[in-house]
Structure formats: structure tokens, C-alpha cells
């Protein structure tokens, strides 16, 4: 539980660094509190992105414009995803043929070039030729959000391509993933299961990546299925993998309780911040 709660602390600092690069930032303490609140709502709202919506809403209530709030949360998520995918790719290469079926191995490895391609497209959205921009504006959904995406492209370059900011964000994101790995490893040790830390490091990020798919309530069910497959690759039986996954979910709920307390203590009634939009 302590390891999972530490993720919110690390992610709060990462989010604050992103926001500071985009606009006059909110105080670090407030951003961290909002991260805990978002973590809590991630656990109690459908899909794994409900907490992000709450964070965007709360930041706008704190005096930040919607565009900056939205872009800040999205870029914070993206920087976390970059580290996650890099760790997943390294784990897949380390395990090799232990990952079965082979198609899963290829799919997990494909996440790296897909992410790289997506980031390149994102960073170039405001530099599209006139013909492409006119084409995208004709599309039903993308056309109405193109201006927001173009603003996000400029901010993405400011955050992802800036040194030493991008390195600091990558290290913080890696630290957050290590906290998840530590939590799973500790739960396995508590159950008396033979799961080494290196093995947990190789498979847990893949479970987290699969859980990001917004198809279930706070990742429940999807995480258990991914755990059966990935932990099975390192020797855990299906019932053992499900037990670890369920305990991980329950520990995540406990780690999100500070966000619940902050919400009822006054987070839902945040006064406007002094910083400009």
C-alpha cells in the first residue's frame, strides 16, 4: 500500500513539472493533492481515465484554462506511458520465448514503435501542410478538436524534447513503475510465491500497460486476465496470479483513500487559485 501511495507522490511531482513548463504552475502541494484525488476517482469511476477527467475539472476550478489543464494532464500521462513502454519492451526482450503465445510477445513489442510513431505525429500536428489540415477539418470528430491538438503539439515539443526536463520526467515515470513492481513483488512474497524481483520487473509493467485499455471498471477483470497470462510466463499458476492481482487491486483502493479524504475535506470546494489561466 505504501508503494502504491508513493506513485501518487511521484506522479504529482511529474505533473507539476509538466504544468510548470506550460504555464505559471499551481503550488506543488495543491498539485499533489489533486493527483491523490484523481487516483481515488480512477479507482471508483468506470474505465482507467475517470481520474484524469476529475483532475482536468479540478485544475480548471483552480484557475487554469481548460486547454492548459487538458494538455497538462495528457502530457503527464504520455510521459508516464513512454517509460512504461520502454520497460515493457526491455522485459519482453529479456523473457524472450518464455512469453507465450508468441503473438503476445510481438504485440507488446509493437507498442514501442506505435508509441514512437504516435509521438512524432503529435509533435507535428501544428505543422501539417495546408491540404492535410483542410482534410482533417472535414472529419466529424478530429476537425472540431484540431486546434486543441495543434496547441498540444507545440506543448508536447516543449515538454518531451526539452532537456533536462524530459530526462527528469522519464526518471520519475520509471520510479512510479518500480513502485508498482515493488507492490506486486511484496504481495507475492507475502503469499509465499516464488516470484523474484527481476521477474516481477519483467512482467508487471506489461500487466499495467494492458490494464490501461479502457474496457473495464478501474481495470478490474482486465488486470486479472493479464496477470494470469504474464505471471504465468514466470511460473505462477493461474489461481496464484489472480490472488496477487486481486490483492493489488485492493491495495490500490487503500492507497487511494488519502484522495478520498482530501476530496471530502475540501477538494470538491477548491477556491480559485491566484495563478492566471
Protein backbone atom coordinates (compact mmCIF):
# COMPACT_ATOMS: atom_id res chain seq x y z
CA UNK A 1 0.00 0.00 0.00
CA UNK A 2 2.84 2.39 0.81
CA UNK A 3 4.49 1.63 -2.54
CA UNK A 4 1.25 2.31 -4.42
CA UNK A 5 0.62 5.52 -2.47
CA UNK A 6 4.13 6.63 -3.42
CA UNK A 7 3.07 6.50 -7.07
CA UNK A 8 0.75 9.45 -6.47
CA UNK A 9 3.58 11.42 -4.85
CA UNK A 10 5.95 10.74 -7.75
CA UNK A 11 3.22 11.38 -10.34
CA UNK A 12 2.23 14.59 -8.61
CA UNK A 13 5.78 15.91 -8.95
CA UNK A 14 5.84 14.81 -12.61
CA UNK A 15 2.54 16.59 -13.29
CA UNK A 16 3.77 19.74 -11.55
CA UNK A 17 6.91 19.80 -13.72
CA UNK A 18 4.78 19.44 -16.87
CA UNK A 19 2.41 22.21 -15.77
CA UNK A 20 5.33 24.47 -14.87
CA UNK A 21 6.65 24.12 -18.43
CA UNK A 22 3.29 25.15 -19.89
CA UNK A 23 2.05 27.95 -17.65
CA UNK A 24 2.54 29.53 -14.22
CA UNK A 25 2.14 26.41 -12.09
CA UNK A 26 -0.11 25.73 -9.16
CA UNK A 27 1.71 25.08 -5.88
CA UNK A 28 3.30 21.64 -5.69
CA UNK A 29 1.25 20.77 -2.61
CA UNK A 30 -2.03 21.50 -4.38
CA UNK A 31 -1.00 19.57 -7.49
CA UNK A 32 -0.03 16.58 -5.34
CA UNK A 33 -3.37 16.73 -3.52
CA UNK A 34 -5.20 16.81 -6.85
CA UNK A 35 -3.16 13.81 -8.01
CA UNK A 36 -4.28 11.85 -4.95
CA UNK A 37 -7.87 12.89 -5.65
CA UNK A 38 -7.52 11.78 -9.27
CA UNK A 39 -6.04 8.46 -8.14
CA UNK A 40 -9.03 7.88 -5.88
CA UNK A 41 -11.52 8.57 -8.66
CA UNK A 42 -9.57 6.32 -11.00
CA UNK A 43 -10.41 3.51 -8.59
CA UNK A 44 -14.12 4.28 -8.28
CA UNK A 45 -15.11 5.53 -11.76
CA UNK A 46 -15.58 3.42 -14.90
CA UNK A 47 -12.51 2.90 -17.12
CA UNK A 48 -8.99 3.87 -16.11
CA UNK A 49 -9.29 7.52 -17.20
CA UNK A 50 -12.04 8.77 -14.90
CA UNK A 51 -9.47 10.22 -12.55
CA UNK A 52 -7.93 12.21 -15.40
CA UNK A 53 -11.26 13.86 -16.12
CA UNK A 54 -11.61 14.80 -12.45
CA UNK A 55 -8.10 16.26 -12.44
CA UNK A 56 -8.83 18.39 -15.50
CA UNK A 57 -12.05 19.62 -13.92
CA UNK A 58 -10.36 20.44 -10.62
CA UNK A 59 -7.47 22.27 -12.27
CA UNK A 60 -9.88 24.45 -14.25
CA UNK A 61 -11.68 25.26 -10.99
CA UNK A 62 -8.29 26.26 -9.55
CA UNK A 63 -7.94 28.99 -12.16
CA UNK A 64 -6.20 27.27 -15.08
CA UNK A 65 -7.80 27.45 -18.53
CA UNK A 66 -9.35 24.27 -19.89
CA UNK A 67 -6.86 23.96 -22.75
CA UNK A 68 -3.85 24.17 -20.45
CA UNK A 69 -5.47 21.83 -17.91
CA UNK A 70 -6.31 19.23 -20.56
CA UNK A 71 -2.89 19.38 -22.22
CA UNK A 72 -1.09 19.24 -18.87
CA UNK A 73 -2.91 16.08 -17.80
CA UNK A 74 -2.49 14.43 -21.20
CA UNK A 75 1.24 15.16 -21.39
CA UNK A 76 1.70 13.92 -17.83
CA UNK A 77 0.02 10.68 -18.88
CA UNK A 78 2.11 10.46 -22.05
CA UNK A 79 5.41 10.89 -20.20
CA UNK A 80 4.39 8.07 -17.90
CA UNK A 81 3.45 5.92 -20.88
CA UNK A 82 6.86 6.44 -22.50
CA UNK A 83 8.72 4.98 -19.53
CA UNK A 84 6.17 2.18 -19.19
CA UNK A 85 6.50 1.08 -22.82
CA UNK A 86 10.30 1.20 -22.67
CA UNK A 87 10.29 -1.03 -19.58
CA UNK A 88 7.77 -3.38 -21.19
CA UNK A 89 9.91 -3.74 -24.30
CA UNK A 90 13.01 -4.46 -22.19
CA UNK A 91 11.11 -7.07 -20.17
CA UNK A 92 9.80 -8.80 -23.28
CA UNK A 93 13.27 -8.98 -24.79
CA UNK A 94 14.65 -10.35 -21.52
CA UNK A 95 11.99 -13.07 -21.20
CA UNK A 96 12.10 -13.99 -24.88
CA UNK A 97 10.36 -17.29 -25.63
CA UNK A 98 9.00 -17.51 -22.08
CA UNK A 99 6.16 -15.26 -23.22
CA UNK A 100 3.53 -17.45 -24.78
CA UNK A 101 1.75 -17.14 -27.17
CA UNK A 102 4.35 -15.58 -29.48
CA UNK A 103 1.73 -13.20 -30.82
CA UNK A 104 1.52 -11.56 -27.40
CA UNK A 105 5.26 -11.00 -27.44
CA UNK A 106 5.06 -9.32 -30.83
CA UNK A 107 2.07 -7.24 -29.75
CA UNK A 108 3.87 -5.97 -26.65
CA UNK A 109 6.99 -5.17 -28.66
CA UNK A 110 4.85 -3.38 -31.23
CA UNK A 111 3.77 -0.91 -28.54
CA UNK A 112 7.21 0.74 -28.77
CA UNK A 113 7.19 1.72 -32.48
CA UNK A 114 3.49 2.55 -32.24
CA UNK A 115 4.15 4.93 -29.36
CA UNK A 116 7.14 6.46 -31.15
CA UNK A 117 5.06 6.98 -34.28
CA UNK A 118 2.23 8.48 -32.27
CA UNK A 119 4.58 10.91 -30.53
CA UNK A 120 6.07 12.01 -33.86
CA UNK A 121 2.60 12.65 -35.26
CA UNK A 122 1.60 14.52 -32.11
CA UNK A 123 4.63 16.78 -32.22
CA UNK A 124 4.00 17.64 -35.88
CA UNK A 125 0.25 18.26 -35.79
CA UNK A 126 0.70 22.03 -35.87
CA UNK A 127 3.00 21.78 -38.89
CA UNK A 128 0.72 19.93 -41.27
CA UNK A 129 0.58 21.02 -44.93
CA UNK A 130 -2.47 23.11 -45.72
CA UNK A 131 -4.07 20.29 -47.69
CA UNK A 132 -3.80 17.81 -44.82
CA UNK A 133 -5.17 20.34 -42.35
CA UNK A 134 -8.18 21.01 -44.56
CA UNK A 135 -8.75 17.26 -44.86
CA UNK A 136 -8.63 16.74 -41.08
CA UNK A 137 -11.01 19.65 -40.50
CA UNK A 138 -13.57 17.84 -42.68
CA UNK A 139 -13.55 14.78 -40.43
CA UNK A 140 -16.52 14.59 -37.99
CA UNK A 141 -14.60 14.45 -34.71
CA UNK A 142 -11.00 15.34 -35.45
CA UNK A 143 -11.90 18.55 -37.26
CA UNK A 144 -13.52 20.08 -34.19
CA UNK A 145 -10.52 19.27 -31.97
CA UNK A 146 -7.74 20.11 -34.41
CA UNK A 147 -6.99 23.49 -32.80
CA UNK A 148 -6.63 21.83 -29.41
CA UNK A 149 -4.36 19.15 -30.89
CA UNK A 150 -2.24 21.80 -32.62
CA UNK A 151 -1.74 23.60 -29.31
CA UNK A 152 -0.92 20.26 -27.71
CA UNK A 153 1.69 19.59 -30.40
CA UNK A 154 3.62 22.76 -29.57
CA UNK A 155 3.44 21.98 -25.86
CA UNK A 156 4.48 18.37 -26.47
CA UNK A 157 7.69 19.56 -28.12
CA UNK A 158 8.26 21.97 -25.23
CA UNK A 159 7.95 19.13 -22.71
CA UNK A 160 9.18 15.99 -24.47
CA UNK A 161 12.13 17.48 -26.35
CA UNK A 162 13.45 19.79 -23.64
CA UNK A 163 16.49 18.85 -21.62
CA UNK A 164 16.84 18.26 -18.72
CA UNK A 165 13.05 18.31 -18.23
CA UNK A 166 12.36 15.26 -20.39
CA UNK A 167 15.04 13.23 -18.59
CA UNK A 168 13.62 14.19 -15.18
CA UNK A 169 10.12 13.19 -16.33
CA UNK A 170 11.41 9.87 -17.67
CA UNK A 171 13.18 9.08 -14.39
CA UNK A 172 10.11 9.97 -12.34
CA UNK A 173 7.95 7.80 -14.60
CA UNK A 174 10.37 4.89 -14.21
CA UNK A 175 10.29 5.35 -10.43
CA UNK A 176 6.48 5.17 -10.50
CA UNK A 177 6.62 1.89 -12.42
CA UNK A 178 9.15 0.50 -9.96
CA UNK A 179 6.67 1.24 -7.17
CA UNK A 180 4.06 -0.93 -8.91
CA UNK A 181 6.62 -3.69 -9.40
CA UNK A 182 7.61 -3.48 -5.73
CA UNK A 183 3.96 -3.75 -4.68
CA UNK A 184 3.34 -6.89 -6.74
CA UNK A 185 6.61 -8.44 -5.60
CA UNK A 186 5.80 -7.73 -1.93
CA UNK A 187 2.33 -9.26 -2.30
CA UNK A 188 3.81 -12.37 -3.92
CA UNK A 189 6.34 -12.68 -1.11
CA UNK A 190 3.58 -12.32 1.45
CA UNK A 191 1.72 -15.20 -0.20
CA UNK A 192 4.86 -17.33 -0.21
CA UNK A 193 5.10 -17.40 -4.01
CA UNK A 194 8.36 -17.86 -5.89
CA UNK A 195 8.43 -14.57 -7.79
CA UNK A 196 11.79 -12.84 -7.98
CA UNK A 197 12.04 -9.07 -8.22
CA UNK A 198 13.68 -9.28 -11.65
CA UNK A 199 10.83 -11.48 -12.89
CA UNK A 200 8.28 -9.03 -11.48
CA UNK A 201 10.11 -6.18 -13.19
CA UNK A 202 9.87 -8.06 -16.50
CA UNK A 203 6.12 -8.77 -16.41
CA UNK A 204 4.33 -6.28 -14.13
CA UNK A 205 4.76 -3.27 -16.47
CA UNK A 206 3.13 -5.33 -19.25
CA UNK A 207 0.17 -6.01 -16.94
CA UNK A 208 -0.08 -2.28 -16.18
CA UNK A 209 0.06 -1.45 -19.89
CA UNK A 210 -2.74 -3.89 -20.72
CA UNK A 211 -4.80 -2.52 -17.83
CA UNK A 212 -4.63 0.95 -19.43
CA UNK A 213 -7.06 -0.27 -22.09
CA UNK A 214 -10.34 1.45 -21.05
CA UNK A 215 -12.56 -1.62 -21.18
CA UNK A 216 -13.31 -2.32 -17.52
CA UNK A 217 -14.14 -0.65 -14.22
CA UNK A 218 -10.82 0.63 -12.80
CA UNK A 219 -9.02 -2.20 -14.59
CA UNK A 220 -10.80 -4.99 -12.70
CA UNK A 221 -11.10 -8.17 -14.72
CA UNK A 222 -8.73 -6.96 -17.41
CA UNK A 223 -5.90 -6.80 -14.90
CA UNK A 224 -6.68 -10.30 -13.62
CA UNK A 225 -6.66 -11.75 -17.13
CA UNK A 226 -3.38 -10.01 -17.95
CA UNK A 227 -1.90 -11.23 -14.67
CA UNK A 228 -2.79 -14.85 -15.41
CA UNK A 229 -1.02 -14.64 -18.77
CA UNK A 230 2.03 -12.58 -17.80
CA UNK A 231 2.69 -14.04 -14.34
CA UNK A 232 2.16 -17.46 -15.86
CA UNK A 233 5.17 -16.74 -18.07
CA UNK A 234 7.37 -16.67 -14.95
CA UNK A 235 5.93 -19.77 -13.33
CA UNK A 236 2.90 -18.67 -11.30
CA UNK A 237 -0.26 -20.74 -11.53
CA UNK A 238 -3.50 -19.09 -12.63
CA UNK A 239 -5.03 -19.07 -9.14
CA UNK A 240 -1.84 -17.57 -7.69
CA UNK A 241 -1.78 -14.85 -10.35
CA UNK A 242 -5.43 -13.98 -9.71
CA UNK A 243 -4.79 -13.81 -5.96
CA UNK A 244 -1.88 -11.40 -6.47
CA UNK A 245 -3.92 -9.28 -8.89
CA UNK A 246 -6.95 -9.05 -6.61
CA UNK A 247 -4.75 -8.09 -3.66
CA UNK A 248 -3.05 -5.50 -5.87
CA UNK A 249 -6.46 -4.04 -6.71
CA UNK A 250 -7.47 -3.93 -3.05
CA UNK A 251 -4.14 -2.36 -2.10
CA UNK A 252 -4.72 0.25 -4.82
CA UNK A 253 -8.08 1.08 -3.25
CA UNK A 254 -6.41 1.56 0.12
CA UNK A 255 -3.66 3.68 -1.45
CA UNK A 256 -6.36 5.89 -2.97
CA UNK A 257 -8.07 6.61 0.36
CA UNK A 258 -5.97 9.75 1.02
CA UNK A 259 -7.54 11.18 -2.13
CA UNK A 260 -10.99 10.40 -0.76
CA UNK A 261 -10.15 12.17 2.49
CA UNK A 262 -8.76 15.18 0.62
CA UNK A 263 -11.91 15.31 -1.51
CA UNK A 264 -14.29 15.34 1.44
CA UNK A 265 -12.02 17.62 3.43
CA UNK A 266 -12.37 20.33 0.82
CA UNK A 267 -11.08 19.20 -2.54
CA UNK A 268 -14.57 19.38 -4.05
CA UNK A 269 -14.78 23.01 -2.90
CA UNK A 270 -11.37 24.24 -4.04
CA UNK A 271 -11.25 28.04 -4.16
CA UNK A 272 -9.79 29.69 -7.28
CA UNK A 273 -6.01 29.84 -7.25
CA UNK A 274 -4.13 33.09 -7.57
CA UNK A 275 -2.24 31.97 -10.68
CA UNK A 276 -3.59 33.19 -14.05
CA UNK A 277 -5.21 30.90 -16.62
